[in-house]
Amino acid sequence: MGAAIERRTAWLLAGVLLLALGLRLVFFSALSGYDEFHYAHIARNISLGNFSLPDVTGYYGFRYLLTGPAALFSSLFGFNAAALSVWPLLCSLGSVWVAFLLGRLLYGARAGLLAALLYACLPLSAVYGTMLYPEEVLSFFIGLSVLFFLLAERENRGRARLFFLLSGVFCGLGYFTRINAALILGFYAAYGLFYGWRPARLLVFAGLAAVLLPEAAFNFFRTGDALFSWHAQQLRLAADAVSFSTNLWVYPRGMFGADLYGLGLFGFSYHLFFACALWFLFGKRLAGAGVPLLWFACVFLYLEFGPSHLSGAGYVPAHKQLRFLSMTALPAALFSARYLAEAVNWPRYLLLAFMVLTSAAGAFKMRAYQALQAQPYRLACGYLREADPGAVFVPDAGWRARLDFCFKKPLSAPYYPEGRKNPYGVRELGELDEGRPPAGAWVIAPENWRLKKTAARAVSLGDGHTLYQLGAPGRGGGGK
């Protein structure tokens, strides 16, 4: 009987993973977001041996567990969207698997399967599962860290020590995806307060140190500053708090679907989560339900109220982007699955059907949004593919990053350093020596550009920009 149940669980899990894979392939969204192109260029430079640590600023270049595997897959399969999507896709499917393992560990196989299904259908995961962003990679490593932490809590002595150590190692790998992976340490501390002190938990920090210290040594020998990457990222985070919204309503509005973007990104997953949370607070407190709820609370409270940076320059709320809530998706799925596992069969099946269908609709909406955002760049790339990149002028760094990927030109540094020009790729309009492009150049500029009357060719890109060619069409005249 037990073996039959195990086989049935394995088949159901395989079905959930196939559904997850299908959703991510149907809603394939690689290279339709801004940051992806910076990560792609860094991966390209790593694969070519051009990466220079002292030149790195901001944080893109320090996300080694995102760009390193992307460099490997692009070396194996070519520098293209499909190759660059392999790593986030694998991690996204890995997160579905980890959701099952965590659910089974805490509540049994049924809850594990439900958690895996809820995470597999989450629109954010389905769309970002093929985008070269940290979201799905970070969720995978943090999920593994929590899994080994909770496994260690159920063990004694040797195995517990090993599992706590591995929990710290996976937290460190998550840190090299995005530094706010360290937020999970807040959950571990809170867990200790609620469930009692255990000295062996300090091995989490030993595992974390085992990952971070080699990078500190590398930083020191290359730059003279062991905390070089930390300082650079803190400076960028402080700047982002000025450039992006820190409004405390951004996350609640998105989670409750008060705008179509949030509803498309999350579907009704957080509606279900908060409904279960109300049941927990005012109704039935199911055994073990407090663990993912505590995990969710520790991460969400920091994302909502935590400081933007830890550089000692005073408190400024962290800037808000809805995709950062991916860090709360796993605990939310686990918590919801705990309550769904206790529901009567037919209402549960109806609710799951509703969640799957509405999540697919949300993912469809997000995929269409990403495609619409990318359309002007892809249209321009079609016209410029045979052009000389040095004769192409664009209005800003976003256009430059996308078209340099189109030309597959490596950068002279990990990405565009402040105050430097890229000698290999396209140039910005601000780099013109005399304010006027040379004859025959291609220019992407607003539709009311001052030199439009002298252009030999003009193609509207549909986003308020037009592609102009100066002088008689020659090489790069386009294939459209």
Protein backbone atom coordinates (compact mmCIF):
# COMPACT_ATOMS: atom_id res chain seq x y z
CA MET A 1 0.00 0.00 0.00
CA GLY A 2 2.79 2.41 0.98
CA ALA A 3 4.73 1.68 -2.22
CA ALA A 4 1.62 2.35 -4.31
CA ILE A 5 1.12 5.71 -2.59
CA GLU A 6 4.75 6.60 -3.23
CA ARG A 7 4.41 5.71 -6.91
CA ARG A 8 1.24 7.77 -7.19
CA THR A 9 2.96 10.73 -5.52
CA ALA A 10 5.94 10.42 -7.86
CA TRP A 11 3.67 10.39 -10.92
CA LEU A 12 1.70 13.37 -9.67
CA LEU A 13 4.91 15.29 -8.97
CA ALA A 14 6.16 14.47 -12.46
CA GLY A 15 2.89 15.83 -13.82
CA VAL A 16 3.27 19.06 -11.85
CA LEU A 17 6.84 19.47 -13.12
CA LEU A 18 5.71 18.87 -16.70
CA LEU A 19 2.96 21.44 -16.24
CA ALA A 20 5.53 23.89 -14.87
CA LEU A 21 7.82 23.25 -17.84
CA GLY A 22 4.96 23.66 -20.29
CA LEU A 23 3.85 26.97 -18.79
CA ARG A 24 7.38 28.35 -18.89
CA LEU A 25 7.89 27.32 -22.50
CA VAL A 26 4.49 28.63 -23.62
CA PHE A 27 5.14 31.95 -21.90
CA PHE A 28 8.81 32.10 -22.92
CA SER A 29 9.96 35.68 -22.20
CA ALA A 30 13.75 35.64 -22.48
CA LEU A 31 15.45 38.94 -23.28
CA SER A 32 12.41 41.15 -22.97
CA GLY A 33 13.45 43.01 -19.81
CA TYR A 34 16.01 45.76 -19.22
CA ASP A 35 18.38 44.13 -16.72
CA GLU A 36 18.67 40.95 -18.77
CA PHE A 37 20.90 42.59 -21.34
CA HIS A 38 23.39 43.76 -18.73
CA TYR A 39 23.57 40.25 -17.30
CA ALA A 40 23.88 38.85 -20.82
CA HIS A 41 26.81 41.14 -21.63
CA ILE A 42 28.53 40.20 -18.38
CA ALA A 43 28.02 36.53 -19.18
CA ARG A 44 29.46 37.17 -22.63
CA ASN A 45 32.53 38.84 -21.15
CA ILE A 46 33.03 36.03 -18.65
CA SER A 47 32.91 33.46 -21.45
CA LEU A 48 35.47 35.51 -23.41
CA GLY A 49 37.73 36.09 -20.39
CA ASN A 50 37.11 39.86 -20.44
CA PHE A 51 35.67 40.22 -16.94
CA SER A 52 37.58 42.81 -14.89
CA LEU A 53 36.59 43.03 -11.23
CA PRO A 54 38.10 46.48 -10.45
CA ASP A 55 35.90 47.99 -13.20
CA VAL A 56 32.63 46.70 -11.74
CA THR A 57 30.23 49.20 -10.20
CA GLY A 58 26.66 48.79 -8.98
CA TYR A 59 25.56 45.20 -8.51
CA TYR A 60 25.07 43.47 -11.87
CA GLY A 61 28.64 42.26 -12.05
CA PHE A 62 28.63 40.70 -8.57
CA ARG A 63 25.74 38.31 -9.19
CA TYR A 64 28.06 35.44 -10.01
CA LEU A 65 25.48 32.65 -9.59
CA LEU A 66 23.38 34.32 -12.28
CA THR A 67 26.00 35.39 -14.82
CA GLY A 68 28.45 32.49 -14.35
CA PRO A 69 26.02 29.69 -15.32
CA ALA A 70 24.64 31.90 -18.10
CA ALA A 71 28.20 32.22 -19.44
CA LEU A 72 28.56 28.44 -19.34
CA PHE A 73 25.34 27.75 -21.22
CA SER A 74 26.01 30.49 -23.79
CA SER A 75 29.45 28.97 -24.39
CA LEU A 76 27.85 25.56 -24.95
CA PHE A 77 24.81 26.57 -26.99
CA GLY A 78 25.65 30.00 -28.43
CA PHE A 79 25.05 33.55 -27.29
CA ASN A 80 21.30 33.66 -27.78
CA ALA A 81 18.05 33.98 -25.88
CA ALA A 82 17.45 30.24 -25.61
CA ALA A 83 20.87 29.51 -24.12
CA LEU A 84 20.59 32.39 -21.64
CA SER A 85 17.20 31.11 -20.46
CA VAL A 86 18.40 27.61 -19.56
CA TRP A 87 19.72 28.46 -16.09
CA PRO A 88 16.67 30.41 -14.82
CA LEU A 89 14.43 27.69 -16.28
CA LEU A 90 16.29 24.93 -14.44
CA CYS A 91 16.17 26.91 -11.20
CA SER A 92 12.46 27.64 -11.64
CA LEU A 93 11.71 23.94 -12.04
CA GLY A 94 14.04 23.29 -9.11
CA SER A 95 11.96 25.66 -6.99
CA VAL A 96 8.82 23.67 -7.82
CA TRP A 97 10.64 20.53 -6.67
CA VAL A 98 11.85 22.24 -3.50
CA ALA A 99 8.28 23.41 -2.76
CA PHE A 100 7.22 19.75 -2.87
CA LEU A 101 10.07 18.64 -0.60
CA LEU A 102 9.34 21.36 1.94
CA GLY A 103 5.60 20.67 1.92
CA ARG A 104 6.14 16.93 2.32
CA LEU A 105 8.65 17.48 5.12
CA LEU A 106 6.34 19.76 7.07
CA TYR A 107 2.88 18.39 6.32
CA GLY A 108 2.97 15.30 4.13
CA ALA A 109 2.91 14.40 0.45
CA ARG A 110 -0.51 15.91 -0.31
CA ALA A 111 0.51 19.34 0.96
CA GLY A 112 3.82 19.00 -0.86
CA LEU A 113 2.08 18.38 -4.17
CA LEU A 114 -0.29 21.28 -3.58
CA ALA A 115 2.60 23.63 -2.76
CA ALA A 116 4.44 22.52 -5.89
CA LEU A 117 1.31 23.10 -8.02
CA LEU A 118 0.70 26.56 -6.58
CA TYR A 119 4.30 27.60 -7.19
CA ALA A 120 4.39 26.01 -10.66
CA CYS A 121 1.40 28.11 -11.75
CA LEU A 122 2.46 31.41 -10.18
CA PRO A 123 2.53 33.88 -13.12
CA LEU A 124 5.67 35.60 -11.84
CA SER A 125 7.50 32.27 -11.76
CA ALA A 126 6.13 31.16 -15.13
CA VAL A 127 7.31 34.34 -16.86
CA TYR A 128 10.58 34.96 -15.01
CA GLY A 129 11.37 31.28 -15.34
CA THR A 130 12.93 31.98 -18.73
CA MET A 131 14.23 35.50 -18.07
CA LEU A 132 17.84 36.14 -17.05
CA TYR A 133 16.87 37.76 -13.75
CA PRO A 134 17.76 36.73 -10.17
CA GLU A 135 14.17 35.94 -9.13
CA GLU A 136 13.92 32.21 -9.85
CA VAL A 137 17.58 31.48 -9.16
CA LEU A 138 17.31 33.19 -5.79
CA SER A 139 14.10 31.34 -4.89
CA PHE A 140 15.77 28.02 -5.65
CA PHE A 141 18.83 28.59 -3.48
CA ILE A 142 16.87 30.12 -0.61
CA GLY A 143 14.40 27.24 -0.80
CA LEU A 144 17.28 24.77 -0.52
CA SER A 145 18.71 26.71 2.42
CA VAL A 146 15.40 26.54 4.30
CA LEU A 147 14.95 22.87 3.38
CA PHE A 148 18.28 21.89 4.92
CA PHE A 149 17.66 24.13 7.93
CA LEU A 150 14.36 22.39 8.66
CA LEU A 151 15.88 18.97 7.98
CA ALA A 152 18.59 19.80 10.52
CA GLU A 153 15.93 20.69 13.08
CA ARG A 154 14.68 17.10 12.86
CA GLU A 155 18.10 15.53 13.24
CA ASN A 156 20.57 15.08 16.08
CA ARG A 157 24.31 15.60 16.20
CA GLY A 158 26.24 14.67 13.03
CA ARG A 159 23.55 14.93 10.38
CA ALA A 160 22.11 18.04 11.99
CA ARG A 161 25.50 19.75 11.88
CA LEU A 162 25.95 18.81 8.23
CA PHE A 163 22.49 20.08 7.29
CA PHE A 164 22.93 23.39 9.13
CA LEU A 165 26.26 23.81 7.34
CA LEU A 166 24.63 23.12 3.96
CA SER A 167 21.86 25.58 4.81
CA GLY A 168 24.49 28.28 5.19
CA VAL A 169 26.22 27.23 1.96
CA PHE A 170 23.01 27.57 -0.04
CA CYS A 171 22.29 30.91 1.62
CA GLY A 172 25.73 32.06 0.44
CA LEU A 173 25.03 30.88 -3.10
CA GLY A 174 21.79 32.84 -2.97
CA TYR A 175 23.77 35.88 -1.81
CA PHE A 176 25.80 35.66 -5.02
CA THR A 177 22.52 35.84 -6.92
CA ARG A 178 21.24 38.91 -5.05
CA ILE A 179 22.48 40.11 -1.69
CA ASN A 180 19.04 40.25 -0.08
CA ALA A 181 19.25 36.45 0.12
CA ALA A 182 20.72 37.23 3.54
CA LEU A 183 17.19 38.14 4.67
CA ILE A 184 16.62 34.44 5.31
CA LEU A 185 18.94 34.74 8.30
CA GLY A 186 16.22 36.85 9.92
CA PHE A 187 13.85 33.90 9.60
CA TYR A 188 16.38 31.57 11.20
CA ALA A 189 16.83 34.00 14.09
CA ALA A 190 13.07 34.34 14.55
CA TYR A 191 12.71 30.56 14.39
CA GLY A 192 15.16 30.29 17.27
CA LEU A 193 13.13 32.76 19.34
CA PHE A 194 9.88 30.86 18.79
CA TYR A 195 11.18 27.30 18.96
CA GLY A 196 14.10 27.55 21.37
CA TRP A 197 17.85 28.00 21.20
CA ARG A 198 20.08 25.38 19.59
CA PRO A 199 23.85 26.02 19.41
CA ALA A 200 24.27 23.87 16.29
CA ARG A 201 22.39 26.52 14.31
CA LEU A 202 25.53 28.66 14.40
CA LEU A 203 26.90 26.31 11.74
CA VAL A 204 24.64 28.14 9.29
CA PHE A 205 27.05 31.07 9.62
CA ALA A 206 30.01 28.72 9.14
CA GLY A 207 28.51 27.50 5.85
CA LEU A 208 27.80 31.08 4.80
CA ALA A 209 31.37 32.12 5.63
CA ALA A 210 32.74 29.18 3.62
CA VAL A 211 31.11 30.72 0.53
CA LEU A 212 31.73 34.41 1.22
CA LEU A 213 35.34 34.35 2.44
CA PRO A 214 36.87 33.21 -0.89
CA GLU A 215 35.14 36.14 -2.59
CA ALA A 216 36.47 38.51 0.10
CA ALA A 217 39.99 37.21 -0.52
CA PHE A 218 39.55 37.61 -4.28
CA ASN A 219 38.28 41.17 -3.76
CA PHE A 220 41.26 42.01 -1.57
CA PHE A 221 43.89 40.71 -3.97
CA ARG A 222 42.30 42.40 -6.98
CA THR A 223 41.23 45.72 -5.44
CA GLY A 224 42.79 46.02 -1.96
CA ASP A 225 39.32 46.03 -0.38
CA ALA A 226 37.96 42.73 0.96
CA LEU A 227 34.47 44.24 1.03
CA PHE A 228 34.73 45.78 -2.44
CA SER A 229 31.58 44.09 -3.77
CA TRP A 230 29.57 44.94 -0.64
CA HIS A 231 30.52 48.63 -0.76
CA ALA A 232 29.77 48.91 -4.49
CA GLN A 233 26.36 47.33 -4.10
CA GLN A 234 25.44 49.47 -1.10
CA LEU A 235 26.19 52.61 -3.09
CA ARG A 236 23.96 51.45 -5.92
CA LEU A 237 21.15 50.48 -3.54
CA ALA A 238 21.27 53.94 -1.99
CA ALA A 239 20.97 55.47 -5.47
CA ASP A 240 18.08 53.15 -6.38
CA ALA A 241 16.15 54.32 -3.33
CA VAL A 242 16.20 57.78 -4.92
CA SER A 243 15.43 56.60 -8.46
CA PHE A 244 12.66 54.08 -7.68
CA SER A 245 9.55 54.20 -5.54
CA THR A 246 9.81 53.53 -1.80
CA ASN A 247 6.06 53.98 -1.30
CA LEU A 248 4.73 51.53 1.30
CA TRP A 249 1.58 50.85 -0.76
CA VAL A 250 3.44 49.36 -3.73
CA TYR A 251 3.51 45.80 -2.40
CA PRO A 252 0.02 45.68 -0.81
CA ARG A 253 -1.55 47.06 -4.01
CA GLY A 254 0.29 44.54 -6.16
CA MET A 255 -0.44 41.56 -3.91
CA PHE A 256 -4.17 42.31 -3.74
CA GLY A 257 -4.38 42.99 -7.48
CA ALA A 258 -5.38 46.64 -7.12
CA ASP A 259 -3.76 47.24 -10.52
CA LEU A 260 -3.69 44.98 -13.57
CA TYR A 261 0.09 44.64 -13.49
CA GLY A 262 0.05 43.18 -9.98
CA LEU A 263 -2.91 40.95 -10.83
CA GLY A 264 -1.10 39.69 -13.91
CA LEU A 265 2.12 39.06 -11.99
CA PHE A 266 0.61 37.23 -9.01
CA GLY A 267 -2.87 36.16 -10.08
CA PHE A 268 -4.90 35.32 -6.99
CA SER A 269 -2.05 33.60 -5.14
CA TYR A 270 -1.79 36.23 -2.41
CA HIS A 271 -5.58 36.46 -2.08
CA LEU A 272 -5.51 32.76 -1.24
CA PHE A 273 -2.57 33.22 1.12
CA PHE A 274 -4.18 36.05 3.08
CA ALA A 275 -7.49 34.15 3.27
CA CYS A 276 -5.60 31.23 4.84
CA ALA A 277 -3.77 33.66 7.14
CA LEU A 278 -7.11 34.97 8.41
CA TRP A 279 -8.21 31.39 9.00
CA PHE A 280 -4.99 30.85 10.96
CA LEU A 281 -5.45 33.99 13.08
CA PHE A 282 -9.17 33.73 13.80
CA GLY A 283 -10.01 30.11 13.18
CA LYS A 284 -8.09 26.88 12.96
CA ARG A 285 -4.35 26.92 13.71
CA LEU A 286 -3.10 23.83 11.93
CA ALA A 287 0.03 22.14 13.24
CA GLY A 288 3.21 23.48 11.65
CA ALA A 289 1.45 26.27 9.76
CA GLY A 290 3.38 28.87 11.71
CA VAL A 291 6.72 27.94 10.09
CA PRO A 292 6.06 29.24 6.54
CA LEU A 293 4.00 32.10 7.98
CA LEU A 294 7.01 33.18 10.04
CA TRP A 295 9.26 32.81 6.97
CA PHE A 296 6.90 34.96 4.92
CA ALA A 297 6.61 37.62 7.64
CA CYS A 298 10.36 37.99 8.18
CA VAL A 299 11.09 38.47 4.48
CA PHE A 300 8.07 40.64 3.69
CA LEU A 301 8.57 43.00 6.64
CA TYR A 302 12.11 43.74 5.53
CA LEU A 303 11.10 44.24 1.91
CA GLU A 304 8.38 46.61 3.06
CA PHE A 305 10.06 48.53 5.89
CA GLY A 306 13.75 47.64 5.79
CA PRO A 307 16.48 50.14 4.92
CA SER A 308 17.54 50.56 1.33
CA HIS A 309 21.21 50.18 2.26
CA LEU A 310 23.44 49.47 5.24
CA SER A 311 26.14 52.06 4.62
CA GLY A 312 25.46 54.07 7.78
CA ALA A 313 24.06 57.08 5.91
CA GLY A 314 20.71 57.08 7.67
CA TYR A 315 17.44 55.22 7.16
CA VAL A 316 15.79 55.33 3.75
CA PRO A 317 13.14 52.69 2.95
CA ALA A 318 14.18 50.06 0.43
CA HIS A 319 12.95 50.73 -3.07
CA LYS A 320 10.05 48.61 -4.22
CA GLN A 321 9.69 46.44 -7.30
CA LEU A 322 6.93 43.84 -7.43
CA ARG A 323 9.23 41.12 -8.71
CA PHE A 324 11.15 41.27 -5.41
CA LEU A 325 8.12 39.60 -3.83
CA SER A 326 9.31 36.38 -5.47
CA MET A 327 11.20 35.90 -2.19
CA THR A 328 7.83 35.43 -0.44
CA ALA A 329 6.31 33.11 -3.06
CA LEU A 330 7.60 29.81 -1.65
CA PRO A 331 6.45 30.37 1.96
CA ALA A 332 3.11 31.69 0.69
CA ALA A 333 2.60 28.56 -1.43
CA LEU A 334 3.56 26.31 1.50
CA PHE A 335 1.22 28.07 3.90
CA SER A 336 -1.70 28.00 1.47
CA ALA A 337 -1.03 24.34 0.68
CA ARG A 338 -1.20 23.49 4.40
CA TYR A 339 -4.79 24.71 4.55
CA LEU A 340 -5.83 23.39 1.15
CA ALA A 341 -4.64 19.93 2.18
CA GLU A 342 -7.27 19.97 4.94
CA ALA A 343 -10.14 21.10 2.70
CA VAL A 344 -12.92 18.84 1.44
CA ASN A 345 -12.02 17.30 -1.91
CA TRP A 346 -14.49 18.91 -4.34
CA PRO A 347 -14.09 22.52 -3.06
CA ARG A 348 -10.33 22.03 -3.12
CA TYR A 349 -10.39 20.79 -6.71
CA LEU A 350 -12.59 23.68 -7.79
CA LEU A 351 -10.28 26.18 -6.10
CA LEU A 352 -7.20 24.60 -7.65
CA ALA A 353 -8.80 24.72 -11.11
CA PHE A 354 -9.59 28.39 -10.55
CA MET A 355 -6.00 29.08 -9.41
CA VAL A 356 -4.47 27.28 -12.40
CA LEU A 357 -6.71 28.97 -14.97
CA THR A 358 -6.40 32.48 -13.54
CA SER A 359 -2.65 32.08 -13.11
CA ALA A 360 -2.32 31.00 -16.75
CA ALA A 361 -4.35 34.07 -17.75
CA GLY A 362 -2.04 36.27 -15.65
CA ALA A 363 1.06 34.70 -17.21
CA PHE A 364 -0.43 35.26 -20.67
CA LYS A 365 -1.02 38.92 -19.81
CA MET A 366 2.54 39.33 -18.48
CA ARG A 367 4.01 37.60 -21.53
CA ALA A 368 2.08 39.97 -23.80
CA TYR A 369 3.28 42.94 -21.74
CA GLN A 370 6.91 41.82 -21.98
CA ALA A 371 6.59 41.26 -25.73
CA LEU A 372 5.08 44.71 -26.19
CA GLN A 373 7.95 46.27 -24.23
CA ALA A 374 10.53 44.43 -26.35
CA GLN A 375 8.88 45.02 -29.75
CA PRO A 376 10.54 48.38 -30.64
CA TYR A 377 14.00 46.99 -29.89
CA ARG A 378 13.43 43.82 -31.87
CA LEU A 379 12.07 45.83 -34.81
CA ALA A 380 15.14 48.07 -34.78
CA CYS A 381 17.41 45.05 -34.54
CA GLY A 382 15.80 43.60 -37.67
CA TYR A 383 16.75 46.71 -39.66
CA LEU A 384 20.20 47.13 -38.16
CA ARG A 385 21.48 43.56 -38.05
CA GLU A 386 23.91 44.12 -40.97
CA ALA A 387 24.87 47.67 -40.00
CA ASP A 388 28.21 48.75 -38.57
CA PRO A 389 27.50 49.15 -34.83
CA GLY A 390 29.90 52.06 -34.63
CA ALA A 391 27.63 53.99 -37.00
CA VAL A 392 24.52 53.46 -34.85
CA PHE A 393 23.47 56.15 -32.37
CA VAL A 394 20.80 55.61 -29.72
CA PRO A 395 19.10 57.81 -27.12
CA ASP A 396 20.07 56.02 -23.90
CA ALA A 397 21.84 53.10 -22.19
CA GLY A 398 18.75 50.89 -22.43
CA TRP A 399 18.79 51.05 -26.22
CA ARG A 400 22.55 50.63 -26.25
CA ALA A 401 22.46 47.45 -24.15
CA ARG A 402 19.78 45.86 -26.31
CA LEU A 403 21.35 46.70 -29.67
CA ASP A 404 24.83 45.66 -28.56
CA PHE A 405 23.28 42.27 -27.79
CA CYS A 406 21.76 42.29 -31.28
CA PHE A 407 25.24 42.86 -32.74
CA LYS A 408 26.73 40.36 -30.24
CA LYS A 409 29.56 42.73 -29.51
CA PRO A 410 31.46 42.16 -26.26
CA LEU A 411 31.92 45.12 -23.97
CA SER A 412 35.27 46.54 -22.90
CA ALA A 413 34.32 46.10 -19.23
CA PRO A 414 31.80 44.02 -17.25
CA TYR A 415 29.15 46.50 -18.33
CA TYR A 416 29.06 50.17 -19.18
CA PRO A 417 31.27 51.91 -16.61
CA GLU A 418 30.49 55.45 -15.59
CA GLY A 419 32.11 58.04 -17.85
CA ARG A 420 33.47 55.59 -20.41
CA LYS A 421 32.59 54.86 -24.00
CA ASN A 422 32.25 51.37 -25.38
CA PRO A 423 34.65 51.12 -28.35
CA TYR A 424 33.03 47.97 -29.70
CA GLY A 425 29.34 48.71 -29.91
CA VAL A 426 26.72 51.33 -30.61
CA ARG A 427 27.00 54.85 -29.23
CA GLU A 428 24.67 57.27 -27.54
CA LEU A 429 23.63 60.55 -29.13
CA GLY A 430 25.43 62.38 -26.34
CA GLU A 431 28.75 60.97 -27.58
CA LEU A 432 28.61 62.87 -30.88
CA ASP A 433 31.65 65.10 -31.23
CA GLU A 434 29.90 67.93 -33.06
CA GLY A 435 26.28 67.16 -32.24
CA ARG A 436 25.58 65.65 -35.67
CA PRO A 437 25.94 62.00 -36.77
CA PRO A 438 28.06 61.30 -39.86
CA ALA A 439 26.40 60.68 -43.23
CA GLY A 440 25.06 57.17 -43.57
CA ALA A 441 24.69 56.71 -39.83
CA TRP A 442 21.65 55.10 -38.26
CA VAL A 443 19.99 57.07 -35.48
CA ILE A 444 17.24 56.10 -33.06
CA ALA A 445 15.67 59.27 -31.72
CA PRO A 446 12.28 60.77 -30.81
CA GLU A 447 9.90 61.30 -33.71
CA ASN A 448 10.43 65.09 -33.58
CA TRP A 449 14.22 64.77 -33.83
CA ARG A 450 15.79 67.99 -35.09
CA LEU A 451 17.58 66.35 -38.07
CA LYS A 452 14.65 64.27 -39.30
CA LYS A 453 14.26 66.32 -42.48
CA THR A 454 17.77 65.39 -43.59
CA ALA A 455 17.22 61.66 -43.11
CA ALA A 456 17.09 59.46 -46.20
CA ARG A 457 14.98 56.90 -44.38
CA ALA A 458 12.69 56.89 -41.35
CA VAL A 459 10.96 53.91 -39.72
CA SER A 460 8.58 54.36 -36.78
CA LEU A 461 9.35 51.93 -33.96
CA GLY A 462 5.99 52.40 -32.29
CA ASP A 463 7.09 53.68 -28.88
CA GLY A 464 7.62 57.35 -29.72
CA HIS A 465 11.00 56.65 -31.32
CA THR A 466 11.92 56.55 -35.00
CA LEU A 467 14.83 54.85 -36.72
CA TYR A 468 16.54 57.27 -39.13
CA GLN A 469 19.28 56.73 -41.67
CA LEU A 470 21.24 59.74 -42.81
CA GLY A 471 22.40 60.05 -46.40
CA ALA A 472 21.82 57.53 -49.17
CA PRO A 473 20.99 53.99 -47.96
CA GLY A 474 24.02 51.76 -48.23
CA ARG A 475 25.30 48.91 -46.15
CA GLY A 476 22.76 48.14 -43.48
CA GLY A 477 19.86 49.28 -45.66
CA GLY A 478 17.85 46.56 -43.99
CA GLY A 479 16.15 43.43 -45.00
CA LYS A 480 12.61 44.64 -44.43
